[in-house]
Amino acid sequence: MPKHAVITVVGKDRVGIVAKVSSVLAEHKVNIIDISQTVLRGMFAMIMVVDLSSCDISIGELRKLLAETGKEMGVDVALHSAELVESVERI
């Protein structure tokens, strides 16, 4: 499993998005290294860099769980590979 990943969340703003995504990560021992979020004209956008080194499920399972959590909230949640993290860190 890669050590780091990027999680993006995009959709209509509503209460509890950050809390719900963070809870899923904490439940599976994923540490948030960096986080940025904004609301533009009612649209919520967030990007997180996370540490997967202590994660207790596979990256595929985490990706699926986050996508399902996003669907329940009406937002798109995606977990992106470590290659994207490395590209962001170089910028």
PDB file of N, CA and C in Angstrom:
ATOM      1  N   MET A   1       0.847  -1.174   0.000  1.00  0.00           N
ATOM      2  CA  MET A   1       0.000   0.000   0.000  1.00  0.00           C
ATOM      3  C   MET A   1       0.896   1.242   0.000  1.00  0.00           C
ATOM      4  N   PRO A   2       0.539   2.253  -0.806  1.00  0.00           N
ATOM      5  CA  PRO A   2       1.323   3.492  -0.775  1.00  0.00           C
ATOM      6  C   PRO A   2       1.213   4.152   0.593  1.00  0.00           C
ATOM      7  N   LYS A   3       2.225   4.934   0.946  1.00  0.00           N
ATOM      8  CA  LYS A   3       2.224   5.588   2.253  1.00  0.00           C
ATOM      9  C   LYS A   3       1.282   6.786   2.295  1.00  0.00           C
ATOM     10  N   HIS A   4       1.164   7.517   1.176  1.00  0.00           N
ATOM     11  CA  HIS A   4       0.318   8.709   1.134  1.00  0.00           C
ATOM     12  C   HIS A   4      -0.688   8.637  -0.007  1.00  0.00           C
ATOM     13  N   ALA A   5      -1.763   9.408   0.142  1.00  0.00           N
ATOM     14  CA  ALA A   5      -2.779   9.518  -0.906  1.00  0.00           C
ATOM     15  C   ALA A   5      -3.420  10.902  -0.804  1.00  0.00           C
ATOM     16  N   VAL A   6      -4.151  11.244  -1.855  1.00  0.00           N
ATOM     17  CA  VAL A   6      -4.914  12.491  -1.878  1.00  0.00           C
ATOM     18  C   VAL A   6      -6.391  12.121  -1.931  1.00  0.00           C
ATOM     19  N   ILE A   7      -7.182  12.773  -1.099  1.00  0.00           N
ATOM     20  CA  ILE A   7      -8.631  12.582  -1.116  1.00  0.00           C
ATOM     21  C   ILE A   7      -9.257  13.897  -1.534  1.00  0.00           C
ATOM     22  N   THR A   8     -10.157  13.827  -2.530  1.00  0.00           N
ATOM     23  CA  THR A   8     -10.889  15.025  -2.947  1.00  0.00           C
ATOM     24  C   THR A   8     -12.367  14.826  -2.651  1.00  0.00           C
ATOM     25  N   VAL A   9     -13.019  15.925  -2.288  1.00  0.00           N
ATOM     26  CA  VAL A   9     -14.452  15.919  -2.014  1.00  0.00           C
ATOM     27  C   VAL A   9     -15.047  17.133  -2.718  1.00  0.00           C
ATOM     28  N   VAL A  10     -16.049  16.903  -3.550  1.00  0.00           N
ATOM     29  CA  VAL A  10     -16.680  17.990  -4.298  1.00  0.00           C
ATOM     30  C   VAL A  10     -18.184  17.757  -4.327  1.00  0.00           C
ATOM     31  N   GLY A  11     -18.953  18.825  -4.106  1.00  0.00           N
ATOM     32  CA  GLY A  11     -20.407  18.722  -4.192  1.00  0.00           C
ATOM     33  C   GLY A  11     -21.089  19.889  -3.524  1.00  0.00           C
ATOM     34  N   LYS A  12     -22.408  19.840  -3.503  1.00  0.00           N
ATOM     35  CA  LYS A  12     -23.202  20.899  -2.879  1.00  0.00           C
ATOM     36  C   LYS A  12     -22.884  20.945  -1.386  1.00  0.00           C
ATOM     37  N   ASP A  13     -22.650  22.152  -0.881  1.00  0.00           N
ATOM     38  CA  ASP A  13     -22.297  22.314   0.527  1.00  0.00           C
ATOM     39  C   ASP A  13     -23.440  21.890   1.439  1.00  0.00           C
ATOM     40  N   ARG A  14     -23.074  21.272   2.535  1.00  0.00           N
ATOM     41  CA  ARG A  14     -24.034  20.901   3.580  1.00  0.00           C
ATOM     42  C   ARG A  14     -23.270  20.668   4.875  1.00  0.00           C
ATOM     43  N   VAL A  15     -23.965  20.660   5.953  1.00  0.00           N
ATOM     44  CA  VAL A  15     -23.368  20.455   7.271  1.00  0.00           C
ATOM     45  C   VAL A  15     -22.845  19.018   7.384  1.00  0.00           C
ATOM     46  N   GLY A  16     -21.641  18.870   7.940  1.00  0.00           N
ATOM     47  CA  GLY A  16     -21.136  17.559   8.314  1.00  0.00           C
ATOM     48  C   GLY A  16     -20.229  16.857   7.327  1.00  0.00           C
ATOM     49  N   ILE A  17     -19.922  17.479   6.185  1.00  0.00           N
ATOM     50  CA  ILE A  17     -19.082  16.793   5.192  1.00  0.00           C
ATOM     51  C   ILE A  17     -17.699  16.482   5.767  1.00  0.00           C
ATOM     52  N   VAL A  18     -17.035  17.488   6.305  1.00  0.00           N
ATOM     53  CA  VAL A  18     -15.688  17.289   6.852  1.00  0.00           C
ATOM     54  C   VAL A  18     -15.732  16.268   7.994  1.00  0.00           C
ATOM     55  N   ALA A  19     -16.718  16.395   8.854  1.00  0.00           N
ATOM     56  CA  ALA A  19     -16.837  15.487   9.996  1.00  0.00           C
ATOM     57  C   ALA A  19     -17.023  14.036   9.551  1.00  0.00           C
ATOM     58  N   LYS A  20     -17.877  13.806   8.574  1.00  0.00           N
ATOM     59  CA  LYS A  20     -18.161  12.439   8.133  1.00  0.00           C
ATOM     60  C   LYS A  20     -16.936  11.806   7.471  1.00  0.00           C
ATOM     61  N   VAL A  21     -16.282  12.541   6.562  1.00  0.00           N
ATOM     62  CA  VAL A  21     -15.103  12.001   5.882  1.00  0.00           C
ATOM     63  C   VAL A  21     -13.989  11.747   6.902  1.00  0.00           C
ATOM     64  N   SER A  22     -13.772  12.703   7.798  1.00  0.00           N
ATOM     65  CA  SER A  22     -12.736  12.551   8.825  1.00  0.00           C
ATOM     66  C   SER A  22     -13.016  11.357   9.738  1.00  0.00           C
ATOM     67  N   SER A  23     -14.274  11.121  10.052  1.00  0.00           N
ATOM     68  CA  SER A  23     -14.651   9.986  10.907  1.00  0.00           C
ATOM     69  C   SER A  23     -14.319   8.661  10.242  1.00  0.00           C
ATOM     70  N   VAL A  24     -14.603   8.546   8.938  1.00  0.00           N
ATOM     71  CA  VAL A  24     -14.284   7.318   8.208  1.00  0.00           C
ATOM     72  C   VAL A  24     -12.777   7.086   8.241  1.00  0.00           C
ATOM     73  N   LEU A  25     -12.005   8.147   8.006  1.00  0.00           N
ATOM     74  CA  LEU A  25     -10.551   8.016   8.018  1.00  0.00           C
ATOM     75  C   LEU A  25     -10.042   7.607   9.398  1.00  0.00           C
ATOM     76  N   ALA A  26     -10.532   8.271  10.443  1.00  0.00           N
ATOM     77  CA  ALA A  26     -10.098   7.953  11.802  1.00  0.00           C
ATOM     78  C   ALA A  26     -10.443   6.510  12.175  1.00  0.00           C
ATOM     79  N   GLU A  27     -11.608   6.061  11.755  1.00  0.00           N
ATOM     80  CA  GLU A  27     -12.042   4.695  12.056  1.00  0.00           C
ATOM     81  C   GLU A  27     -11.066   3.657  11.502  1.00  0.00           C
ATOM     82  N   HIS A  28     -10.386   4.012  10.408  1.00  0.00           N
ATOM     83  CA  HIS A  28      -9.465   3.068   9.773  1.00  0.00           C
ATOM     84  C   HIS A  28      -8.004   3.479   9.917  1.00  0.00           C
ATOM     85  N   LYS A  29      -7.739   4.336  10.917  1.00  0.00           N
ATOM     86  CA  LYS A  29      -6.375   4.727  11.297  1.00  0.00           C
ATOM     87  C   LYS A  29      -5.609   5.454  10.192  1.00  0.00           C
ATOM     88  N   VAL A  30      -6.342   6.270   9.426  1.00  0.00           N
ATOM     89  CA  VAL A  30      -5.737   7.095   8.380  1.00  0.00           C
ATOM     90  C   VAL A  30      -5.554   8.495   8.954  1.00  0.00           C
ATOM     91  N   ASN A  31      -4.323   8.990   8.919  1.00  0.00           N
ATOM     92  CA  ASN A  31      -4.007  10.299   9.479  1.00  0.00           C
ATOM     93  C   ASN A  31      -4.080  11.376   8.398  1.00  0.00           C
ATOM     94  N   ILE A  32      -4.730  12.491   8.708  1.00  0.00           N
ATOM     95  CA  ILE A  32      -4.791  13.628   7.792  1.00  0.00           C
ATOM     96  C   ILE A  32      -3.534  14.457   8.002  1.00  0.00           C
ATOM     97  N   ILE A  33      -2.736  14.594   6.943  1.00  0.00           N
ATOM     98  CA  ILE A  33      -1.487  15.359   7.004  1.00  0.00           C
ATOM     99  C   ILE A  33      -1.737  16.826   6.678  1.00  0.00           C
ATOM    100  N   ASP A  34      -2.552  17.066   5.669  1.00  0.00           N
ATOM    101  CA  ASP A  34      -2.846  18.437   5.237  1.00  0.00           C
ATOM    102  C   ASP A  34      -4.266  18.458   4.699  1.00  0.00           C
ATOM    103  N   ILE A  35      -4.942  19.599   4.876  1.00  0.00           N
ATOM    104  CA  ILE A  35      -6.324  19.717   4.431  1.00  0.00           C
ATOM    105  C   ILE A  35      -6.601  21.156   4.013  1.00  0.00           C
ATOM    106  N   SER A  36      -7.344  21.289   2.934  1.00  0.00           N
ATOM    107  CA  SER A  36      -7.782  22.595   2.467  1.00  0.00           C
ATOM    108  C   SER A  36      -9.218  22.440   1.981  1.00  0.00           C
ATOM    109  N   GLN A  37     -10.065  23.371   2.355  1.00  0.00           N
ATOM    110  CA  GLN A  37     -11.451  23.300   1.905  1.00  0.00           C
ATOM    111  C   GLN A  37     -11.997  24.701   1.698  1.00  0.00           C
ATOM    112  N   THR A  38     -12.957  24.795   0.793  1.00  0.00           N
ATOM    113  CA  THR A  38     -13.592  26.072   0.507  1.00  0.00           C
ATOM    114  C   THR A  38     -15.011  25.834   0.028  1.00  0.00           C
ATOM    115  N   VAL A  39     -15.804  26.872   0.078  1.00  0.00           N
ATOM    116  CA  VAL A  39     -17.153  26.839  -0.462  1.00  0.00           C
ATOM    117  C   VAL A  39     -17.255  27.994  -1.456  1.00  0.00           C
ATOM    118  N   LEU A  40     -17.579  27.669  -2.698  1.00  0.00           N
ATOM    119  CA  LEU A  40     -17.722  28.659  -3.758  1.00  0.00           C
ATOM    120  C   LEU A  40     -19.134  28.588  -4.313  1.00  0.00           C
ATOM    121  N   ARG A  41     -19.897  29.656  -4.096  1.00  0.00           N
ATOM    122  CA  ARG A  41     -21.276  29.716  -4.615  1.00  0.00           C
ATOM    123  C   ARG A  41     -22.091  28.479  -4.260  1.00  0.00           C
ATOM    124  N   GLY A  42     -21.942  28.033  -3.037  1.00  0.00           N
ATOM    125  CA  GLY A  42     -22.708  26.894  -2.551  1.00  0.00           C
ATOM    126  C   GLY A  42     -22.116  25.535  -2.873  1.00  0.00           C
ATOM    127  N   MET A  43     -20.979  25.514  -3.567  1.00  0.00           N
ATOM    128  CA  MET A  43     -20.312  24.250  -3.886  1.00  0.00           C
ATOM    129  C   MET A  43     -19.123  24.057  -2.945  1.00  0.00           C
ATOM    130  N   PHE A  44     -19.066  22.893  -2.331  1.00  0.00           N
ATOM    131  CA  PHE A  44     -18.015  22.548  -1.389  1.00  0.00           C
ATOM    132  C   PHE A  44     -16.894  21.848  -2.145  1.00  0.00           C
ATOM    133  N   ALA A  45     -15.647  22.215  -1.834  1.00  0.00           N
ATOM    134  CA  ALA A  45     -14.484  21.544  -2.421  1.00  0.00           C
ATOM    135  C   ALA A  45     -13.434  21.364  -1.332  1.00  0.00           C
ATOM    136  N   MET A  46     -12.894  20.152  -1.236  1.00  0.00           N
ATOM    137  CA  MET A  46     -11.885  19.870  -0.229  1.00  0.00           C
ATOM    138  C   MET A  46     -10.834  18.944  -0.831  1.00  0.00           C
ATOM    139  N   ILE A  47      -9.595  19.170  -0.425  1.00  0.00           N
ATOM    140  CA  ILE A  47      -8.505  18.269  -0.791  1.00  0.00           C
ATOM    141  C   ILE A  47      -7.727  17.948   0.481  1.00  0.00           C
ATOM    142  N   MET A  48      -7.424  16.677   0.652  1.00  0.00           N
ATOM    143  CA  MET A  48      -6.696  16.214   1.829  1.00  0.00           C
ATOM    144  C   MET A  48      -5.508  15.371   1.377  1.00  0.00           C
ATOM    145  N   VAL A  49      -4.391  15.538   2.033  1.00  0.00           N
ATOM    146  CA  VAL A  49      -3.269  14.619   1.881  1.00  0.00           C
ATOM    147  C   VAL A  49      -3.282  13.767   3.139  1.00  0.00           C
ATOM    148  N   VAL A  50      -3.289  12.450   2.958  1.00  0.00           N
ATOM    149  CA  VAL A  50      -3.411  11.544   4.098  1.00  0.00           C
ATOM    150  C   VAL A  50      -2.268  10.540   4.131  1.00  0.00           C
ATOM    151  N   ASP A  51      -1.987  10.069   5.344  1.00  0.00           N
ATOM    152  CA  ASP A  51      -0.973   9.048   5.592  1.00  0.00           C
ATOM    153  C   ASP A  51      -1.689   7.716   5.780  1.00  0.00           C
ATOM    154  N   LEU A  52      -1.389   6.764   4.904  1.00  0.00           N
ATOM    155  CA  LEU A  52      -2.035   5.453   4.936  1.00  0.00           C
ATOM    156  C   LEU A  52      -1.218   4.381   5.661  1.00  0.00           C
ATOM    157  N   SER A  53      -0.074   4.758   6.217  1.00  0.00           N
ATOM    158  CA  SER A  53       0.843   3.743   6.751  1.00  0.00           C
ATOM    159  C   SER A  53       0.252   2.895   7.879  1.00  0.00           C
ATOM    160  N   SER A  54      -0.736   3.382   8.607  1.00  0.00           N
ATOM    161  CA  SER A  54      -1.363   2.595   9.674  1.00  0.00           C
ATOM    162  C   SER A  54      -2.768   2.113   9.317  1.00  0.00           C
ATOM    163  N   CYS A  55      -3.186   2.350   8.088  1.00  0.00           N
ATOM    164  CA  CYS A  55      -4.545   1.992   7.654  1.00  0.00           C
ATOM    165  C   CYS A  55      -4.776   0.493   7.835  1.00  0.00           C
ATOM    166  N   ASP A  56      -5.958   0.146   8.351  1.00  0.00           N
ATOM    167  CA  ASP A  56      -6.249  -1.259   8.656  1.00  0.00           C
ATOM    168  C   ASP A  56      -7.074  -1.972   7.588  1.00  0.00           C
ATOM    169  N   ILE A  57      -7.313  -1.317   6.435  1.00  0.00           N
ATOM    170  CA  ILE A  57      -7.983  -1.949   5.301  1.00  0.00           C
ATOM    171  C   ILE A  57      -7.191  -1.625   4.041  1.00  0.00           C
ATOM    172  N   SER A  58      -7.474  -2.330   2.958  1.00  0.00           N
ATOM    173  CA  SER A  58      -6.748  -2.090   1.711  1.00  0.00           C
ATOM    174  C   SER A  58      -7.146  -0.736   1.111  1.00  0.00           C
ATOM    175  N   ILE A  59      -6.296  -0.210   0.242  1.00  0.00           N
ATOM    176  CA  ILE A  59      -6.598   1.065  -0.406  1.00  0.00           C
ATOM    177  C   ILE A  59      -7.867   0.950  -1.251  1.00  0.00           C
ATOM    178  N   GLY A  60      -8.084  -0.209  -1.848  1.00  0.00           N
ATOM    179  CA  GLY A  60      -9.300  -0.429  -2.631  1.00  0.00           C
ATOM    180  C   GLY A  60     -10.548  -0.387  -1.770  1.00  0.00           C
ATOM    181  N   GLU A  61     -10.467  -1.012  -0.602  1.00  0.00           N
ATOM    182  CA  GLU A  61     -11.606  -0.990   0.330  1.00  0.00           C
ATOM    183  C   GLU A  61     -11.862   0.422   0.836  1.00  0.00           C
ATOM    184  N   LEU A  62     -10.786   1.166   1.149  1.00  0.00           N
ATOM    185  CA  LEU A  62     -10.944   2.538   1.622  1.00  0.00           C
ATOM    186  C   LEU A  62     -11.542   3.414   0.528  1.00  0.00           C
ATOM    187  N   ARG A  63     -11.059   3.250  -0.692  1.00  0.00           N
ATOM    188  CA  ARG A  63     -11.592   4.021  -1.831  1.00  0.00           C
ATOM    189  C   ARG A  63     -13.095   3.774  -1.975  1.00  0.00           C
ATOM    190  N   LYS A  64     -13.505   2.509  -1.902  1.00  0.00           N
ATOM    191  CA  LYS A  64     -14.925   2.154  -2.030  1.00  0.00           C
ATOM    192  C   LYS A  64     -15.746   2.725  -0.878  1.00  0.00           C
ATOM    193  N   LEU A  65     -15.243   2.605   0.335  1.00  0.00           N
ATOM    194  CA  LEU A  65     -15.939   3.114   1.511  1.00  0.00           C
ATOM    195  C   LEU A  65     -16.125   4.633   1.428  1.00  0.00           C
ATOM    196  N   LEU A  66     -15.079   5.348   1.019  1.00  0.00           N
ATOM    197  CA  LEU A  66     -15.184   6.807   0.890  1.00  0.00           C
ATOM    198  C   LEU A  66     -16.186   7.191  -0.202  1.00  0.00           C
ATOM    199  N   ALA A  67     -16.170   6.470  -1.313  1.00  0.00           N
ATOM    200  CA  ALA A  67     -17.121   6.754  -2.401  1.00  0.00           C
ATOM    201  C   ALA A  67     -18.559   6.530  -1.930  1.00  0.00           C
ATOM    202  N   GLU A  68     -18.783   5.449  -1.192  1.00  0.00           N
ATOM    203  CA  GLU A  68     -20.120   5.162  -0.660  1.00  0.00           C
ATOM    204  C   GLU A  68     -20.557   6.234   0.338  1.00  0.00           C
ATOM    205  N   THR A  69     -19.625   6.668   1.183  1.00  0.00           N
ATOM    206  CA  THR A  69     -19.919   7.717   2.161  1.00  0.00           C
ATOM    207  C   THR A  69     -20.299   9.004   1.436  1.00  0.00           C
ATOM    208  N   GLY A  70     -19.551   9.339   0.393  1.00  0.00           N
ATOM    209  CA  GLY A  70     -19.868  10.526  -0.399  1.00  0.00           C
ATOM    210  C   GLY A  70     -21.235  10.430  -1.037  1.00  0.00           C
ATOM    211  N   LYS A  71     -21.557   9.274  -1.586  1.00  0.00           N
ATOM    212  CA  LYS A  71     -22.854   9.079  -2.228  1.00  0.00           C
ATOM    213  C   LYS A  71     -23.992   9.313  -1.238  1.00  0.00           C
ATOM    214  N   GLU A  72     -23.822   8.824  -0.010  1.00  0.00           N
ATOM    215  CA  GLU A  72     -24.834   9.021   1.037  1.00  0.00           C
ATOM    216  C   GLU A  72     -25.054  10.508   1.323  1.00  0.00           C
ATOM    217  N   MET A  73     -23.991  11.317   1.190  1.00  0.00           N
ATOM    218  CA  MET A  73     -24.080  12.746   1.481  1.00  0.00           C
ATOM    219  C   MET A  73     -24.378  13.587   0.240  1.00  0.00           C
ATOM    220  N   GLY A  74     -24.374  12.973  -0.929  1.00  0.00           N
ATOM    221  CA  GLY A  74     -24.619  13.701  -2.158  1.00  0.00           C
ATOM    222  C   GLY A  74     -23.407  14.469  -2.671  1.00  0.00           C
ATOM    223  N   VAL A  75     -22.207  13.995  -2.315  1.00  0.00           N
ATOM    224  CA  VAL A  75     -20.969  14.612  -2.801  1.00  0.00           C
ATOM    225  C   VAL A  75     -20.088  13.516  -3.408  1.00  0.00           C
ATOM    226  N   ASP A  76     -19.123  13.932  -4.214  1.00  0.00           N
ATOM    227  CA  ASP A  76     -18.184  12.996  -4.816  1.00  0.00           C
ATOM    228  C   ASP A  76     -16.933  12.949  -3.954  1.00  0.00           C
ATOM    229  N   VAL A  77     -16.594  11.772  -3.458  1.00  0.00           N
ATOM    230  CA  VAL A  77     -15.378  11.587  -2.670  1.00  0.00           C
ATOM    231  C   VAL A  77     -14.498  10.592  -3.422  1.00  0.00           C
ATOM    232  N   ALA A  78     -13.254  10.997  -3.696  1.00  0.00           N
ATOM    233  CA  ALA A  78     -12.341  10.131  -4.436  1.00  0.00           C
ATOM    234  C   ALA A  78     -10.991  10.071  -3.738  1.00  0.00           C
ATOM    235  N   LEU A  79     -10.401   8.888  -3.723  1.00  0.00           N
ATOM    236  CA  LEU A  79      -9.065   8.684  -3.188  1.00  0.00           C
ATOM    237  C   LEU A  79      -8.137   8.500  -4.382  1.00  0.00           C
ATOM    238  N   HIS A  80      -7.109   9.336  -4.445  1.00  0.00           N
ATOM    239  CA  HIS A  80      -6.179   9.332  -5.571  1.00  0.00           C
ATOM    240  C   HIS A  80      -4.838   8.733  -5.141  1.00  0.00           C
ATOM    241  N   SER A  81      -4.144   8.153  -6.084  1.00  0.00           N
ATOM    242  CA  SER A  81      -2.915   7.419  -5.817  1.00  0.00           C
ATOM    243  C   SER A  81      -1.766   8.284  -5.310  1.00  0.00           C
ATOM    244  N   ALA A  82      -0.771   7.625  -4.802  1.00  0.00           N
ATOM    245  CA  ALA A  82       0.425   8.287  -4.271  1.00  0.00           C
ATOM    246  C   ALA A  82       1.155   9.071  -5.348  1.00  0.00           C
ATOM    247  N   GLU A  83       1.066   8.647  -6.605  1.00  0.00           N
ATOM    248  CA  GLU A  83       1.736   9.376  -7.690  1.00  0.00           C
ATOM    249  C   GLU A  83       1.240  10.808  -7.758  1.00  0.00           C
ATOM    250  N   LEU A  84      -0.058  10.997  -7.534  1.00  0.00           N
ATOM    251  CA  LEU A  84      -0.606  12.353  -7.534  1.00  0.00           C
ATOM    252  C   LEU A  84      -0.035  13.150  -6.375  1.00  0.00           C
ATOM    253  N   VAL A  85       0.093  12.527  -5.218  1.00  0.00           N
ATOM    254  CA  VAL A  85       0.671  13.210  -4.062  1.00  0.00           C
ATOM    255  C   VAL A  85       2.084  13.670  -4.372  1.00  0.00           C
ATOM    256  N   GLU A  86       2.869  12.795  -4.966  1.00  0.00           N
ATOM    257  CA  GLU A  86       4.249  13.148  -5.289  1.00  0.00           C
ATOM    258  C   GLU A  86       4.308  14.298  -6.288  1.00  0.00           C
ATOM    259  N   SER A  87       3.389  14.336  -7.238  1.00  0.00           N
ATOM    260  CA  SER A  87       3.329  15.436  -8.200  1.00  0.00           C
ATOM    261  C   SER A  87       2.985  16.746  -7.502  1.00  0.00           C
ATOM    262  N   VAL A  88       2.049  16.705  -6.579  1.00  0.00           N
ATOM    263  CA  VAL A  88       1.645  17.899  -5.831  1.00  0.00           C
ATOM    264  C   VAL A  88       2.799  18.388  -4.972  1.00  0.00           C
ATOM    265  N   GLU A  89       3.516  17.476  -4.330  1.00  0.00           N
ATOM    266  CA  GLU A  89       4.631  17.860  -3.471  1.00  0.00           C
ATOM    267  C   GLU A  89       5.755  18.525  -4.253  1.00  0.00           C
ATOM    268  N   ARG A  90       5.939  18.148  -5.526  1.00  0.00           N
ATOM    269  CA  ARG A  90       6.972  18.768  -6.355  1.00  0.00           C
ATOM    270  C   ARG A  90       6.613  20.183  -6.759  1.00  0.00           C
ATOM    271  N   ILE A  91       5.336  20.499  -6.787  1.00  0.00           N
ATOM    272  CA  ILE A  91       4.889  21.843  -7.165  1.00  0.00           C
ATOM    273  C   ILE A  91       5.101  22.747  -6.024  1.00  0.00           C
TER     274      ILE A  91
END
